[in-house]
Amino acid sequence: MTQIPNPFESIDSRLSNIEIILLQLQTGHQKIPPERESGEFMTVPQAADMLHLSVPTIYGLIHRRELSSLKRGKRVYFKRAELLKYLEDGRRNAQDPLGHGRISSTRAYKKTERS
């Protein structure tokens, strides 16, 4: 007699895979494939979430032209690679091992005296 395959076995394995994916999404441990990372477009809320900034702050950065964006109609988009570049541009280097002053790629801020 020929055995009929149990359809519940394949359903069970598929549900297990879905459960793993949902847990990864919930904890934020899902890896984005490298081919999608550089060309992926993001919306304002997604960019705000990625940069840990508020949506109004993102619009302020766009207005001051500190953050490059693309606009189609009423929607604003960002390239993921450009958001990462924005983060990298703000990097500061720590003191050197001998304790000499800070080495920084940002301009030094100088206070002006008021009379």
PDB file of N, CA and C in Angstrom:
ATOM      1  N   MET A   1       0.828  -1.170   0.000  1.00  0.00           N
ATOM      2  CA  MET A   1       0.000   0.000   0.000  1.00  0.00           C
ATOM      3  C   MET A   1       0.886   1.252   0.000  1.00  0.00           C
ATOM      4  N   THR A   2       0.549   2.247  -0.811  1.00  0.00           N
ATOM      5  CA  THR A   2       1.321   3.478  -0.928  1.00  0.00           C
ATOM      6  C   THR A   2       0.868   4.466   0.139  1.00  0.00           C
ATOM      7  N   GLN A   3       1.871   5.049   0.822  1.00  0.00           N
ATOM      8  CA  GLN A   3       1.529   6.014   1.858  1.00  0.00           C
ATOM      9  C   GLN A   3       1.327   7.395   1.250  1.00  0.00           C
ATOM     10  N   ILE A   4       0.339   8.057   1.725  1.00  0.00           N
ATOM     11  CA  ILE A   4       0.065   9.425   1.296  1.00  0.00           C
ATOM     12  C   ILE A   4       0.910  10.347   2.177  1.00  0.00           C
ATOM     13  N   PRO A   5       1.649  11.297   1.541  1.00  0.00           N
ATOM     14  CA  PRO A   5       2.455  12.219   2.355  1.00  0.00           C
ATOM     15  C   PRO A   5       1.568  13.078   3.256  1.00  0.00           C
ATOM     16  N   ASN A   6       2.040  13.314   4.445  1.00  0.00           N
ATOM     17  CA  ASN A   6       1.297  14.100   5.419  1.00  0.00           C
ATOM     18  C   ASN A   6       1.449  15.592   5.094  1.00  0.00           C
ATOM     19  N   PRO A   7       0.380  16.279   4.694  1.00  0.00           N
ATOM     20  CA  PRO A   7       0.484  17.706   4.340  1.00  0.00           C
ATOM     21  C   PRO A   7       0.807  18.592   5.540  1.00  0.00           C
ATOM     22  N   PHE A   8       0.530  18.106   6.748  1.00  0.00           N
ATOM     23  CA  PHE A   8       0.775  18.909   7.938  1.00  0.00           C
ATOM     24  C   PHE A   8       2.263  19.044   8.245  1.00  0.00           C
ATOM     25  N   GLU A   9       3.097  18.136   7.764  1.00  0.00           N
ATOM     26  CA  GLU A   9       4.536  18.236   7.983  1.00  0.00           C
ATOM     27  C   GLU A   9       5.107  19.448   7.249  1.00  0.00           C
ATOM     28  N   SER A  10       4.704  19.633   5.992  1.00  0.00           N
ATOM     29  CA  SER A  10       5.212  20.789   5.253  1.00  0.00           C
ATOM     30  C   SER A  10       4.643  22.093   5.825  1.00  0.00           C
ATOM     31  N   ILE A  11       3.407  22.064   6.266  1.00  0.00           N
ATOM     32  CA  ILE A  11       2.800  23.257   6.863  1.00  0.00           C
ATOM     33  C   ILE A  11       3.526  23.614   8.156  1.00  0.00           C
ATOM     34  N   ASP A  12       3.855  22.599   8.955  1.00  0.00           N
ATOM     35  CA  ASP A  12       4.550  22.830  10.221  1.00  0.00           C
ATOM     36  C   ASP A  12       5.928  23.456   9.988  1.00  0.00           C
ATOM     37  N   SER A  13       6.668  22.958   8.999  1.00  0.00           N
ATOM     38  CA  SER A  13       7.998  23.521   8.740  1.00  0.00           C
ATOM     39  C   SER A  13       7.899  24.953   8.206  1.00  0.00           C
ATOM     40  N   ARG A  14       6.902  25.214   7.374  1.00  0.00           N
ATOM     41  CA  ARG A  14       6.715  26.572   6.862  1.00  0.00           C
ATOM     42  C   ARG A  14       6.341  27.536   7.981  1.00  0.00           C
ATOM     43  N   LEU A  15       5.478  27.100   8.880  1.00  0.00           N
ATOM     44  CA  LEU A  15       5.101  27.951  10.017  1.00  0.00           C
ATOM     45  C   LEU A  15       6.304  28.226  10.920  1.00  0.00           C
ATOM     46  N   SER A  16       7.164  27.251  11.081  1.00  0.00           N
ATOM     47  CA  SER A  16       8.376  27.449  11.880  1.00  0.00           C
ATOM     48  C   SER A  16       9.276  28.503  11.235  1.00  0.00           C
ATOM     49  N   ASN A  17       9.420  28.449   9.914  1.00  0.00           N
ATOM     50  CA  ASN A  17      10.228  29.447   9.203  1.00  0.00           C
ATOM     51  C   ASN A  17       9.628  30.848   9.346  1.00  0.00           C
ATOM     52  N   ILE A  18       8.324  30.944   9.236  1.00  0.00           N
ATOM     53  CA  ILE A  18       7.647  32.233   9.385  1.00  0.00           C
ATOM     54  C   ILE A  18       7.852  32.765  10.801  1.00  0.00           C
ATOM     55  N   GLU A  19       7.757  31.893  11.784  1.00  0.00           N
ATOM     56  CA  GLU A  19       7.946  32.302  13.180  1.00  0.00           C
ATOM     57  C   GLU A  19       9.359  32.841  13.410  1.00  0.00           C
ATOM     58  N   ILE A  20      10.351  32.186  12.838  1.00  0.00           N
ATOM     59  CA  ILE A  20      11.742  32.646  12.966  1.00  0.00           C
ATOM     60  C   ILE A  20      11.916  34.017  12.334  1.00  0.00           C
ATOM     61  N   ILE A  21      11.346  34.214  11.152  1.00  0.00           N
ATOM     62  CA  ILE A  21      11.450  35.502  10.458  1.00  0.00           C
ATOM     63  C   ILE A  21      10.769  36.603  11.268  1.00  0.00           C
ATOM     64  N   LEU A  22       9.598  36.324  11.817  1.00  0.00           N
ATOM     65  CA  LEU A  22       8.886  37.316  12.624  1.00  0.00           C
ATOM     66  C   LEU A  22       9.679  37.687  13.872  1.00  0.00           C
ATOM     67  N   LEU A  23      10.291  36.718  14.518  1.00  0.00           N
ATOM     68  CA  LEU A  23      11.110  37.010  15.697  1.00  0.00           C
ATOM     69  C   LEU A  23      12.321  37.857  15.326  1.00  0.00           C
ATOM     70  N   GLN A  24      12.935  37.583  14.167  1.00  0.00           N
ATOM     71  CA  GLN A  24      14.072  38.384  13.713  1.00  0.00           C
ATOM     72  C   GLN A  24      13.643  39.819  13.431  1.00  0.00           C
ATOM     73  N   LEU A  25      12.490  39.988  12.813  1.00  0.00           N
ATOM     74  CA  LEU A  25      11.992  41.336  12.539  1.00  0.00           C
ATOM     75  C   LEU A  25      11.681  42.081  13.826  1.00  0.00           C
ATOM     76  N   GLN A  26      11.106  41.379  14.795  1.00  0.00           N
ATOM     77  CA  GLN A  26      10.732  41.997  16.060  1.00  0.00           C
ATOM     78  C   GLN A  26      11.958  42.447  16.837  1.00  0.00           C
ATOM     79  N   THR A  27      13.015  41.669  16.820  1.00  0.00           N
ATOM     80  CA  THR A  27      14.216  42.021  17.565  1.00  0.00           C
ATOM     81  C   THR A  27      15.193  42.840  16.740  1.00  0.00           C
ATOM     82  N   GLY A  28      14.941  42.993  15.447  1.00  0.00           N
ATOM     83  CA  GLY A  28      15.804  43.807  14.593  1.00  0.00           C
ATOM     84  C   GLY A  28      17.089  43.124  14.180  1.00  0.00           C
ATOM     85  N   HIS A  29      17.121  41.807  14.190  1.00  0.00           N
ATOM     86  CA  HIS A  29      18.336  41.074  13.842  1.00  0.00           C
ATOM     87  C   HIS A  29      18.325  40.500  12.442  1.00  0.00           C
ATOM     88  N   GLN A  30      17.393  40.938  11.620  1.00  0.00           N
ATOM     89  CA  GLN A  30      17.359  40.401  10.262  1.00  0.00           C
ATOM     90  C   GLN A  30      18.374  41.132   9.402  1.00  0.00           C
ATOM     91  N   LYS A  31      19.159  40.388   8.668  1.00  0.00           N
ATOM     92  CA  LYS A  31      20.180  40.957   7.793  1.00  0.00           C
ATOM     93  C   LYS A  31      19.546  41.372   6.471  1.00  0.00           C
ATOM     94  N   ILE A  32      19.924  42.537   5.979  1.00  0.00           N
ATOM     95  CA  ILE A  32      19.472  42.989   4.669  1.00  0.00           C
ATOM     96  C   ILE A  32      20.502  42.522   3.658  1.00  0.00           C
ATOM     97  N   PRO A  33      20.083  41.882   2.578  1.00  0.00           N
ATOM     98  CA  PRO A  33      21.048  41.439   1.579  1.00  0.00           C
ATOM     99  C   PRO A  33      21.867  42.613   1.057  1.00  0.00           C
ATOM    100  N   PRO A  34      23.202  42.438   0.855  1.00  0.00           N
ATOM    101  CA  PRO A  34      24.053  43.554   0.433  1.00  0.00           C
ATOM    102  C   PRO A  34      23.632  44.198  -0.875  1.00  0.00           C
ATOM    103  N   GLU A  35      23.042  43.431  -1.785  1.00  0.00           N
ATOM    104  CA  GLU A  35      22.655  44.027  -3.058  1.00  0.00           C
ATOM    105  C   GLU A  35      21.503  45.010  -2.896  1.00  0.00           C
ATOM    106  N   ARG A  36      20.726  44.895  -1.829  1.00  0.00           N
ATOM    107  CA  ARG A  36      19.616  45.818  -1.602  1.00  0.00           C
ATOM    108  C   ARG A  36      20.027  46.999  -0.743  1.00  0.00           C
ATOM    109  N   GLU A  37      21.119  46.875   0.000  1.00  0.00           N
ATOM    110  CA  GLU A  37      21.531  47.923   0.922  1.00  0.00           C
ATOM    111  C   GLU A  37      21.830  49.243   0.237  1.00  0.00           C
ATOM    112  N   SER A  38      22.648  49.226  -0.815  1.00  0.00           N
ATOM    113  CA  SER A  38      23.116  50.470  -1.405  1.00  0.00           C
ATOM    114  C   SER A  38      22.068  51.168  -2.246  1.00  0.00           C
ATOM    115  N   GLY A  39      21.210  50.435  -2.933  1.00  0.00           N
ATOM    116  CA  GLY A  39      20.255  51.060  -3.828  1.00  0.00           C
ATOM    117  C   GLY A  39      18.875  51.222  -3.244  1.00  0.00           C
ATOM    118  N   GLU A  40      18.699  50.860  -2.002  1.00  0.00           N
ATOM    119  CA  GLU A  40      17.382  50.882  -1.399  1.00  0.00           C
ATOM    120  C   GLU A  40      16.949  52.318  -1.110  1.00  0.00           C
ATOM    121  N   PHE A  41      15.729  52.647  -1.482  1.00  0.00           N
ATOM    122  CA  PHE A  41      15.182  53.956  -1.190  1.00  0.00           C
ATOM    123  C   PHE A  41      14.365  53.882   0.093  1.00  0.00           C
ATOM    124  N   MET A  42      14.448  54.937   0.873  1.00  0.00           N
ATOM    125  CA  MET A  42      13.747  54.978   2.153  1.00  0.00           C
ATOM    126  C   MET A  42      12.868  56.216   2.215  1.00  0.00           C
ATOM    127  N   THR A  43      11.769  56.118   2.951  1.00  0.00           N
ATOM    128  CA  THR A  43      10.874  57.249   3.155  1.00  0.00           C
ATOM    129  C   THR A  43      11.362  58.066   4.350  1.00  0.00           C
ATOM    130  N   VAL A  44      10.713  59.189   4.605  1.00  0.00           N
ATOM    131  CA  VAL A  44      11.106  60.052   5.722  1.00  0.00           C
ATOM    132  C   VAL A  44      10.994  59.318   7.062  1.00  0.00           C
ATOM    133  N   PRO A  45       9.873  58.636   7.358  1.00  0.00           N
ATOM    134  CA  PRO A  45       9.807  57.925   8.642  1.00  0.00           C
ATOM    135  C   PRO A  45      10.875  56.823   8.772  1.00  0.00           C
ATOM    136  N   GLN A  46      11.172  56.136   7.678  1.00  0.00           N
ATOM    137  CA  GLN A  46      12.208  55.095   7.720  1.00  0.00           C
ATOM    138  C   GLN A  46      13.576  55.720   7.973  1.00  0.00           C
ATOM    139  N   ALA A  47      13.861  56.856   7.323  1.00  0.00           N
ATOM    140  CA  ALA A  47      15.135  57.547   7.530  1.00  0.00           C
ATOM    141  C   ALA A  47      15.241  58.043   8.968  1.00  0.00           C
ATOM    142  N   ALA A  48      14.142  58.583   9.492  1.00  0.00           N
ATOM    143  CA  ALA A  48      14.136  59.065  10.876  1.00  0.00           C
ATOM    144  C   ALA A  48      14.415  57.920  11.845  1.00  0.00           C
ATOM    145  N   ASP A  49      13.830  56.773  11.575  1.00  0.00           N
ATOM    146  CA  ASP A  49      14.050  55.600  12.421  1.00  0.00           C
ATOM    147  C   ASP A  49      15.499  55.127  12.329  1.00  0.00           C
ATOM    148  N   MET A  50      16.042  55.113  11.137  1.00  0.00           N
ATOM    149  CA  MET A  50      17.419  54.653  10.945  1.00  0.00           C
ATOM    150  C   MET A  50      18.424  55.583  11.623  1.00  0.00           C
ATOM    151  N   LEU A  51      18.194  56.894  11.530  1.00  0.00           N
ATOM    152  CA  LEU A  51      19.115  57.870  12.107  1.00  0.00           C
ATOM    153  C   LEU A  51      18.810  58.182  13.571  1.00  0.00           C
ATOM    154  N   HIS A  52      17.726  57.610  14.090  1.00  0.00           N
ATOM    155  CA  HIS A  52      17.279  57.859  15.470  1.00  0.00           C
ATOM    156  C   HIS A  52      16.999  59.348  15.679  1.00  0.00           C
ATOM    157  N   LEU A  53      16.296  59.945  14.719  1.00  0.00           N
ATOM    158  CA  LEU A  53      15.898  61.342  14.777  1.00  0.00           C
ATOM    159  C   LEU A  53      14.389  61.419  14.590  1.00  0.00           C
ATOM    160  N   SER A  54      13.816  62.581  14.917  1.00  0.00           N
ATOM    161  CA  SER A  54      12.377  62.747  14.700  1.00  0.00           C
ATOM    162  C   SER A  54      12.116  63.149  13.247  1.00  0.00           C
ATOM    163  N   VAL A  55      10.890  62.958  12.814  1.00  0.00           N
ATOM    164  CA  VAL A  55      10.510  63.316  11.441  1.00  0.00           C
ATOM    165  C   VAL A  55      10.694  64.816  11.205  1.00  0.00           C
ATOM    166  N   PRO A  56      10.278  65.706  12.139  1.00  0.00           N
ATOM    167  CA  PRO A  56      10.525  67.135  11.909  1.00  0.00           C
ATOM    168  C   PRO A  56      12.018  67.474  11.783  1.00  0.00           C
ATOM    169  N   THR A  57      12.868  66.774  12.520  1.00  0.00           N
ATOM    170  CA  THR A  57      14.308  67.009  12.412  1.00  0.00           C
ATOM    171  C   THR A  57      14.805  66.625  11.030  1.00  0.00           C
ATOM    172  N   ILE A  58      14.292  65.537  10.473  1.00  0.00           N
ATOM    173  CA  ILE A  58      14.673  65.117   9.123  1.00  0.00           C
ATOM    174  C   ILE A  58      14.288  66.196   8.119  1.00  0.00           C
ATOM    175  N   TYR A  59      13.069  66.738   8.241  1.00  0.00           N
ATOM    176  CA  TYR A  59      12.652  67.804   7.334  1.00  0.00           C
ATOM    177  C   TYR A  59      13.532  69.050   7.497  1.00  0.00           C
ATOM    178  N   GLY A  60      13.956  69.341   8.721  1.00  0.00           N
ATOM    179  CA  GLY A  60      14.862  70.467   8.953  1.00  0.00           C
ATOM    180  C   GLY A  60      16.202  70.260   8.271  1.00  0.00           C
ATOM    181  N   LEU A  61      16.731  69.030   8.332  1.00  0.00           N
ATOM    182  CA  LEU A  61      18.000  68.718   7.663  1.00  0.00           C
ATOM    183  C   LEU A  61      17.870  68.848   6.149  1.00  0.00           C
ATOM    184  N   ILE A  62      16.711  68.462   5.626  1.00  0.00           N
ATOM    185  CA  ILE A  62      16.473  68.601   4.181  1.00  0.00           C
ATOM    186  C   ILE A  62      16.433  70.084   3.818  1.00  0.00           C
ATOM    187  N   HIS A  63      15.721  70.864   4.628  1.00  0.00           N
ATOM    188  CA  HIS A  63      15.583  72.296   4.353  1.00  0.00           C
ATOM    189  C   HIS A  63      16.940  73.014   4.385  1.00  0.00           C
ATOM    190  N   ARG A  64      17.814  72.622   5.344  1.00  0.00           N
ATOM    191  CA  ARG A  64      19.145  73.233   5.445  1.00  0.00           C
ATOM    192  C   ARG A  64      20.146  72.600   4.485  1.00  0.00           C
ATOM    193  N   ARG A  65      19.664  71.670   3.658  1.00  0.00           N
ATOM    194  CA  ARG A  65      20.482  70.968   2.658  1.00  0.00           C
ATOM    195  C   ARG A  65      21.660  70.220   3.291  1.00  0.00           C
ATOM    196  N   GLU A  66      21.448  69.713   4.501  1.00  0.00           N
ATOM    197  CA  GLU A  66      22.457  68.887   5.158  1.00  0.00           C
ATOM    198  C   GLU A  66      22.263  67.414   4.818  1.00  0.00           C
ATOM    199  N   LEU A  67      21.096  67.087   4.323  1.00  0.00           N
ATOM    200  CA  LEU A  67      20.749  65.714   3.993  1.00  0.00           C
ATOM    201  C   LEU A  67      20.214  65.692   2.568  1.00  0.00           C
ATOM    202  N   SER A  68      20.861  64.925   1.693  1.00  0.00           N
ATOM    203  CA  SER A  68      20.396  64.880   0.306  1.00  0.00           C
ATOM    204  C   SER A  68      19.186  63.964   0.187  1.00  0.00           C
ATOM    205  N   SER A  69      18.259  64.374  -0.660  1.00  0.00           N
ATOM    206  CA  SER A  69      17.015  63.618  -0.814  1.00  0.00           C
ATOM    207  C   SER A  69      16.548  63.692  -2.257  1.00  0.00           C
ATOM    208  N   LEU A  70      15.582  62.837  -2.570  1.00  0.00           N
ATOM    209  CA  LEU A  70      14.944  62.812  -3.883  1.00  0.00           C
ATOM    210  C   LEU A  70      13.467  63.105  -3.666  1.00  0.00           C
ATOM    211  N   LYS A  71      12.871  63.858  -4.559  1.00  0.00           N
ATOM    212  CA  LYS A  71      11.460  64.171  -4.402  1.00  0.00           C
ATOM    213  C   LYS A  71      10.708  63.807  -5.672  1.00  0.00           C
ATOM    214  N   ARG A  72       9.653  63.036  -5.516  1.00  0.00           N
ATOM    215  CA  ARG A  72       8.748  62.681  -6.615  1.00  0.00           C
ATOM    216  C   ARG A  72       7.349  63.037  -6.148  1.00  0.00           C
ATOM    217  N   GLY A  73       6.784  64.055  -6.784  1.00  0.00           N
ATOM    218  CA  GLY A  73       5.467  64.503  -6.353  1.00  0.00           C
ATOM    219  C   GLY A  73       5.556  65.092  -4.956  1.00  0.00           C
ATOM    220  N   LYS A  74       4.731  64.598  -4.066  1.00  0.00           N
ATOM    221  CA  LYS A  74       4.748  65.077  -2.686  1.00  0.00           C
ATOM    222  C   LYS A  74       5.594  64.199  -1.769  1.00  0.00           C
ATOM    223  N   ARG A  75       6.202  63.171  -2.320  1.00  0.00           N
ATOM    224  CA  ARG A  75       6.965  62.228  -1.499  1.00  0.00           C
ATOM    225  C   ARG A  75       8.462  62.510  -1.557  1.00  0.00           C
ATOM    226  N   VAL A  76       9.124  62.285  -0.429  1.00  0.00           N
ATOM    227  CA  VAL A  76      10.567  62.483  -0.316  1.00  0.00           C
ATOM    228  C   VAL A  76      11.198  61.127  -0.037  1.00  0.00           C
ATOM    229  N   TYR A  77      12.290  60.837  -0.740  1.00  0.00           N
ATOM    230  CA  TYR A  77      12.996  59.569  -0.574  1.00  0.00           C
ATOM    231  C   TYR A  77      14.478  59.817  -0.322  1.00  0.00           C
ATOM    232  N   PHE A  78      15.112  58.839   0.298  1.00  0.00           N
ATOM    233  CA  PHE A  78      16.547  58.888   0.566  1.00  0.00           C
ATOM    234  C   PHE A  78      17.170  57.586   0.112  1.00  0.00           C
ATOM    235  N   LYS A  79      18.416  57.658  -0.332  1.00  0.00           N
ATOM    236  CA  LYS A  79      19.166  56.437  -0.592  1.00  0.00           C
ATOM    237  C   LYS A  79      19.839  56.032   0.708  1.00  0.00           C
ATOM    238  N   ARG A  80      19.763  54.767   1.030  1.00  0.00           N
ATOM    239  CA  ARG A  80      20.347  54.253   2.267  1.00  0.00           C
ATOM    240  C   ARG A  80      21.832  54.586   2.356  1.00  0.00           C
ATOM    241  N   ALA A  81      22.556  54.441   1.241  1.00  0.00           N
ATOM    242  CA  ALA A  81      23.997  54.706   1.230  1.00  0.00           C
ATOM    243  C   ALA A  81      24.284  56.167   1.564  1.00  0.00           C
ATOM    244  N   GLU A  82      23.430  57.094   1.113  1.00  0.00           N
ATOM    245  CA  GLU A  82      23.639  58.507   1.399  1.00  0.00           C
ATOM    246  C   GLU A  82      23.353  58.834   2.863  1.00  0.00           C
ATOM    247  N   LEU A  83      22.401  58.132   3.467  1.00  0.00           N
ATOM    248  CA  LEU A  83      22.149  58.328   4.902  1.00  0.00           C
ATOM    249  C   LEU A  83      23.338  57.833   5.716  1.00  0.00           C
ATOM    250  N   LEU A  84      23.904  56.702   5.296  1.00  0.00           N
ATOM    251  CA  LEU A  84      25.086  56.191   5.994  1.00  0.00           C
ATOM    252  C   LEU A  84      26.266  57.150   5.828  1.00  0.00           C
ATOM    253  N   LYS A  85      26.381  57.755   4.651  1.00  0.00           N
ATOM    254  CA  LYS A  85      27.453  58.739   4.412  1.00  0.00           C
ATOM    255  C   LYS A  85      27.252  59.956   5.312  1.00  0.00           C
ATOM    256  N   TYR A  86      26.004  60.392   5.496  1.00  0.00           N
ATOM    257  CA  TYR A  86      25.705  61.507   6.383  1.00  0.00           C
ATOM    258  C   TYR A  86      26.186  61.201   7.802  1.00  0.00           C
ATOM    259  N   LEU A  87      25.952  59.975   8.252  1.00  0.00           N
ATOM    260  CA  LEU A  87      26.421  59.582   9.584  1.00  0.00           C
ATOM    261  C   LEU A  87      27.941  59.578   9.659  1.00  0.00           C
ATOM    262  N   GLU A  88      28.590  59.050   8.634  1.00  0.00           N
ATOM    263  CA  GLU A  88      30.055  58.981   8.605  1.00  0.00           C
ATOM    264  C   GLU A  88      30.688  60.371   8.591  1.00  0.00           C
ATOM    265  N   ASP A  89      30.054  61.324   7.930  1.00  0.00           N
ATOM    266  CA  ASP A  89      30.598  62.678   7.841  1.00  0.00           C
ATOM    267  C   ASP A  89      30.649  63.371   9.205  1.00  0.00           C
ATOM    268  N   GLY A  90      29.854  62.920  10.144  1.00  0.00           N
ATOM    269  CA  GLY A  90      29.836  63.527  11.474  1.00  0.00           C
ATOM    270  C   GLY A  90      30.798  62.870  12.443  1.00  0.00           C
ATOM    271  N   ARG A  91      31.615  61.965  11.968  1.00  0.00           N
ATOM    272  CA  ARG A  91      32.525  61.220  12.840  1.00  0.00           C
ATOM    273  C   ARG A  91      33.619  62.129  13.387  1.00  0.00           C
ATOM    274  N   ARG A  92      33.951  61.932  14.656  1.00  0.00           N
ATOM    275  CA  ARG A  92      35.066  62.627  15.293  1.00  0.00           C
ATOM    276  C   ARG A  92      36.055  61.590  15.785  1.00  0.00           C
ATOM    277  N   ASN A  93      37.309  61.929  15.741  1.00  0.00           N
ATOM    278  CA  ASN A  93      38.339  61.029  16.246  1.00  0.00           C
ATOM    279  C   ASN A  93      38.667  61.385  17.692  1.00  0.00           C
ATOM    280  N   ALA A  94      38.984  60.383  18.478  1.00  0.00           N
ATOM    281  CA  ALA A  94      39.317  60.592  19.885  1.00  0.00           C
ATOM    282  C   ALA A  94      40.741  61.114  20.003  1.00  0.00           C
ATOM    283  N   GLN A  95      41.165  61.376  21.238  1.00  0.00           N
ATOM    284  CA  GLN A  95      42.537  61.822  21.464  1.00  0.00           C
ATOM    285  C   GLN A  95      43.510  60.747  21.047  1.00  0.00           C
ATOM    286  N   ASP A  96      44.680  61.184  20.624  1.00  0.00           N
ATOM    287  CA  ASP A  96      45.700  60.207  20.269  1.00  0.00           C
ATOM    288  C   ASP A  96      46.255  59.568  21.542  1.00  0.00           C
ATOM    289  N   PRO A  97      46.972  58.452  21.442  1.00  0.00           N
ATOM    290  CA  PRO A  97      47.446  57.730  22.630  1.00  0.00           C
ATOM    291  C   PRO A  97      48.336  58.556  23.557  1.00  0.00           C
ATOM    292  N   LEU A  98      49.008  59.591  23.056  1.00  0.00           N
ATOM    293  CA  LEU A  98      49.896  60.401  23.886  1.00  0.00           C
ATOM    294  C   LEU A  98      49.159  61.514  24.614  1.00  0.00           C
ATOM    295  N   GLY A  99      47.851  61.616  24.404  1.00  0.00           N
ATOM    296  CA  GLY A  99      47.061  62.605  25.114  1.00  0.00           C
ATOM    297  C   GLY A  99      47.036  63.967  24.449  1.00  0.00           C
ATOM    298  N   HIS A 100      47.541  64.062  23.233  1.00  0.00           N
ATOM    299  CA  HIS A 100      47.483  65.330  22.520  1.00  0.00           C
ATOM    300  C   HIS A 100      46.036  65.645  22.183  1.00  0.00           C
ATOM    301  N   GLY A 101      45.768  66.870  21.822  1.00  0.00           N
ATOM    302  CA  GLY A 101      44.402  67.341  21.568  1.00  0.00           C
ATOM    303  C   GLY A 101      43.613  66.467  20.626  1.00  0.00           C
ATOM    304  N   ARG A 102      42.353  66.798  20.497  1.00  0.00           N
ATOM    305  CA  ARG A 102      41.467  66.031  19.621  1.00  0.00           C
ATOM    306  C   ARG A 102      41.848  66.225  18.171  1.00  0.00           C
ATOM    307  N   ILE A 103      41.784  65.151  17.435  1.00  0.00           N
ATOM    308  CA  ILE A 103      41.976  65.199  15.989  1.00  0.00           C
ATOM    309  C   ILE A 103      40.579  65.062  15.408  1.00  0.00           C
ATOM    310  N   SER A 104      40.100  66.075  14.714  1.00  0.00           N
ATOM    311  CA  SER A 104      38.719  66.060  14.271  1.00  0.00           C
ATOM    312  C   SER A 104      38.599  66.501  12.824  1.00  0.00           C
ATOM    313  N   SER A 105      37.632  65.904  12.133  1.00  0.00           N
ATOM    314  CA  SER A 105      37.379  66.303  10.757  1.00  0.00           C
ATOM    315  C   SER A 105      36.375  67.440  10.696  1.00  0.00           C
ATOM    316  N   THR A 106      35.804  67.800  11.856  1.00  0.00           N
ATOM    317  CA  THR A 106      34.857  68.910  11.883  1.00  0.00           C
ATOM    318  C   THR A 106      35.584  70.191  12.238  1.00  0.00           C
ATOM    319  N   ARG A 107      35.010  71.304  11.851  1.00  0.00           N
ATOM    320  CA  ARG A 107      35.641  72.587  12.149  1.00  0.00           C
ATOM    321  C   ARG A 107      35.594  72.871  13.646  1.00  0.00           C
ATOM    322  N   ALA A 108      36.643  73.480  14.148  1.00  0.00           N
ATOM    323  CA  ALA A 108      36.696  73.833  15.570  1.00  0.00           C
ATOM    324  C   ALA A 108      35.732  74.986  15.830  1.00  0.00           C
ATOM    325  N   TYR A 109      35.071  74.912  16.930  1.00  0.00           N
ATOM    326  CA  TYR A 109      34.129  75.958  17.307  1.00  0.00           C
ATOM    327  C   TYR A 109      34.877  76.961  18.176  1.00  0.00           C
ATOM    328  N   LYS A 110      34.807  78.231  17.817  1.00  0.00           N
ATOM    329  CA  LYS A 110      35.525  79.260  18.547  1.00  0.00           C
ATOM    330  C   LYS A 110      34.511  80.246  19.110  1.00  0.00           C
ATOM    331  N   LYS A 111      34.570  80.474  20.423  1.00  0.00           N
ATOM    332  CA  LYS A 111      33.665  81.432  21.054  1.00  0.00           C
ATOM    333  C   LYS A 111      34.137  82.848  20.751  1.00  0.00           C
ATOM    334  N   THR A 112      33.205  83.717  20.563  1.00  0.00           N
ATOM    335  CA  THR A 112      33.547  85.126  20.371  1.00  0.00           C
ATOM    336  C   THR A 112      33.237  85.868  21.662  1.00  0.00           C
ATOM    337  N   GLU A 113      34.103  86.803  22.014  1.00  0.00           N
ATOM    338  CA  GLU A 113      33.897  87.565  23.250  1.00  0.00           C
ATOM    339  C   GLU A 113      32.999  88.743  22.968  1.00  0.00           C
ATOM    340  N   ARG A 114      32.125  89.000  23.892  1.00  0.00           N
ATOM    341  CA  ARG A 114      31.240  90.159  23.770  1.00  0.00           C
ATOM    342  C   ARG A 114      31.711  91.240  24.724  1.00  0.00           C
ATOM    343  N   SER A 115      31.638  92.472  24.273  1.00  0.00           N
ATOM    344  CA  SER A 115      32.087  93.584  25.116  1.00  0.00           C
ATOM    345  C   SER A 115      30.936  94.150  25.894  1.00  0.00           C
TER     346      SER A 115
END
